[in-house]
Amino acid sequence: MTNRERRRFIAGAICPECKAMDTIMLYFENNVEKLKCVECGYQESQADDKIKSQRKDGENVIGVFKPE
């Protein structure tokens, strides 16, 4: 993939902050799934299952090094 990441909108999704419909876009950044509302700027991120499974309870993860 090029430098430009693929972003797509979630049909029917409602922003939890501003309650606008069809303004939430989904994209991946550094292997982390992110949601962003283009209307109000609300953001939410979800780490992938590999990162969650490597994390111990109560431990914060800053990042996971993936040599390629």
C-alpha atoms as a PDB file:
ATOM      1  CA  MET A   1       0.000   0.000   0.000  1.00  0.00           C
ATOM      2  CA  THR A   2       1.172   3.543  -0.637  1.00  0.00           C
ATOM      3  CA  ASN A   3       1.834   6.251   1.937  1.00  0.00           C
ATOM      4  CA  ARG A   4      -1.832   7.086   1.865  1.00  0.00           C
ATOM      5  CA  GLU A   5      -3.789   4.773   4.156  1.00  0.00           C
ATOM      6  CA  ARG A   6      -7.149   3.430   3.078  1.00  0.00           C
ATOM      7  CA  ARG A   7     -10.014   5.048   4.984  1.00  0.00           C
ATOM      8  CA  ARG A   8     -13.659   4.088   4.725  1.00  0.00           C
ATOM      9  CA  PHE A   9     -16.898   5.325   6.185  1.00  0.00           C
ATOM     10  CA  ILE A  10     -19.176   3.141   8.289  1.00  0.00           C
ATOM     11  CA  ALA A  11     -22.703   3.343   6.867  1.00  0.00           C
ATOM     12  CA  GLY A  12     -25.317   4.063   9.527  1.00  0.00           C
ATOM     13  CA  ALA A  13     -22.779   4.661  12.311  1.00  0.00           C
ATOM     14  CA  ILE A  14     -23.644   7.406  14.796  1.00  0.00           C
ATOM     15  CA  CYS A  15     -20.930   9.426  16.510  1.00  0.00           C
ATOM     16  CA  PRO A  16     -21.115   8.934  20.302  1.00  0.00           C
ATOM     17  CA  GLU A  17     -20.037  12.550  20.814  1.00  0.00           C
ATOM     18  CA  CYS A  18     -22.032  14.730  18.383  1.00  0.00           C
ATOM     19  CA  LYS A  19     -24.686  12.117  17.396  1.00  0.00           C
ATOM     20  CA  ALA A  20     -24.179  12.801  13.656  1.00  0.00           C
ATOM     21  CA  MET A  21     -24.904   9.851  11.370  1.00  0.00           C
ATOM     22  CA  ASP A  22     -22.590   8.614   8.600  1.00  0.00           C
ATOM     23  CA  THR A  23     -19.622  10.734   9.726  1.00  0.00           C
ATOM     24  CA  ILE A  24     -17.479   7.937  11.245  1.00  0.00           C
ATOM     25  CA  MET A  25     -14.509   6.740   9.219  1.00  0.00           C
ATOM     26  CA  LEU A  26     -12.457   3.631   9.954  1.00  0.00           C
ATOM     27  CA  TYR A  27      -8.751   3.284   9.209  1.00  0.00           C
ATOM     28  CA  PHE A  28      -5.617   1.510  10.409  1.00  0.00           C
ATOM     29  CA  GLU A  29      -2.552   3.361  11.657  1.00  0.00           C
ATOM     30  CA  ASN A  30       0.483   1.400  12.874  1.00  0.00           C
ATOM     31  CA  ASN A  31      -1.630  -1.784  13.029  1.00  0.00           C
ATOM     32  CA  VAL A  32      -4.184  -0.105  15.288  1.00  0.00           C
ATOM     33  CA  GLU A  33      -7.798   0.226  14.183  1.00  0.00           C
ATOM     34  CA  LYS A  34      -9.015   3.799  14.591  1.00  0.00           C
ATOM     35  CA  LEU A  35     -12.371   5.535  14.279  1.00  0.00           C
ATOM     36  CA  LYS A  36     -12.752   9.242  13.678  1.00  0.00           C
ATOM     37  CA  CYS A  37     -15.775  11.497  13.276  1.00  0.00           C
ATOM     38  CA  VAL A  38     -15.189  13.966  10.454  1.00  0.00           C
ATOM     39  CA  GLU A  39     -17.898  16.239  11.868  1.00  0.00           C
ATOM     40  CA  CYS A  40     -16.639  16.878  15.427  1.00  0.00           C
ATOM     41  CA  GLY A  41     -13.197  15.213  15.493  1.00  0.00           C
ATOM     42  CA  TYR A  42     -14.096  12.487  18.037  1.00  0.00           C
ATOM     43  CA  GLN A  43     -11.524   9.673  17.942  1.00  0.00           C
ATOM     44  CA  GLU A  44     -11.369   6.154  19.296  1.00  0.00           C
ATOM     45  CA  SER A  45      -8.727   3.490  18.788  1.00  0.00           C
ATOM     46  CA  GLN A  46      -8.800  -0.270  19.199  1.00  0.00           C
ATOM     47  CA  ALA A  47      -5.601  -2.315  19.434  1.00  0.00           C
ATOM     48  CA  ASP A  48      -5.577  -5.560  17.495  1.00  0.00           C
ATOM     49  CA  ASP A  49      -6.090  -8.907  19.255  1.00  0.00           C
ATOM     50  CA  LYS A  50      -2.366  -9.779  19.154  1.00  0.00           C
ATOM     51  CA  ILE A  51      -1.514  -6.712  21.217  1.00  0.00           C
ATOM     52  CA  LYS A  52      -4.370  -7.368  23.652  1.00  0.00           C
ATOM     53  CA  SER A  53      -3.328 -10.998  24.131  1.00  0.00           C
ATOM     54  CA  GLN A  54       0.290  -9.981  24.874  1.00  0.00           C
ATOM     55  CA  ARG A  55      -0.767  -7.437  27.468  1.00  0.00           C
ATOM     56  CA  LYS A  56      -1.046  -8.415  31.130  1.00  0.00           C
ATOM     57  CA  ASP A  57      -4.027  -7.193  33.182  1.00  0.00           C
ATOM     58  CA  GLY A  58      -3.509  -3.654  34.425  1.00  0.00           C
ATOM     59  CA  GLU A  59      -0.561  -3.089  32.090  1.00  0.00           C
ATOM     60  CA  ASN A  60      -0.555  -0.300  29.497  1.00  0.00           C
ATOM     61  CA  VAL A  61       0.929  -0.983  26.072  1.00  0.00           C
ATOM     62  CA  ILE A  62       2.681   1.847  24.271  1.00  0.00           C
ATOM     63  CA  GLY A  63       3.474  -0.136  21.139  1.00  0.00           C
ATOM     64  CA  VAL A  64       4.601  -3.457  19.754  1.00  0.00           C
ATOM     65  CA  PHE A  65       7.821  -3.732  17.775  1.00  0.00           C
ATOM     66  CA  LYS A  66       7.377  -5.772  14.588  1.00  0.00           C
ATOM     67  CA  PRO A  67      10.659  -6.186  12.688  1.00  0.00           C
ATOM     68  CA  GLU A  68      10.142  -6.955   9.019  1.00  0.00           C
END
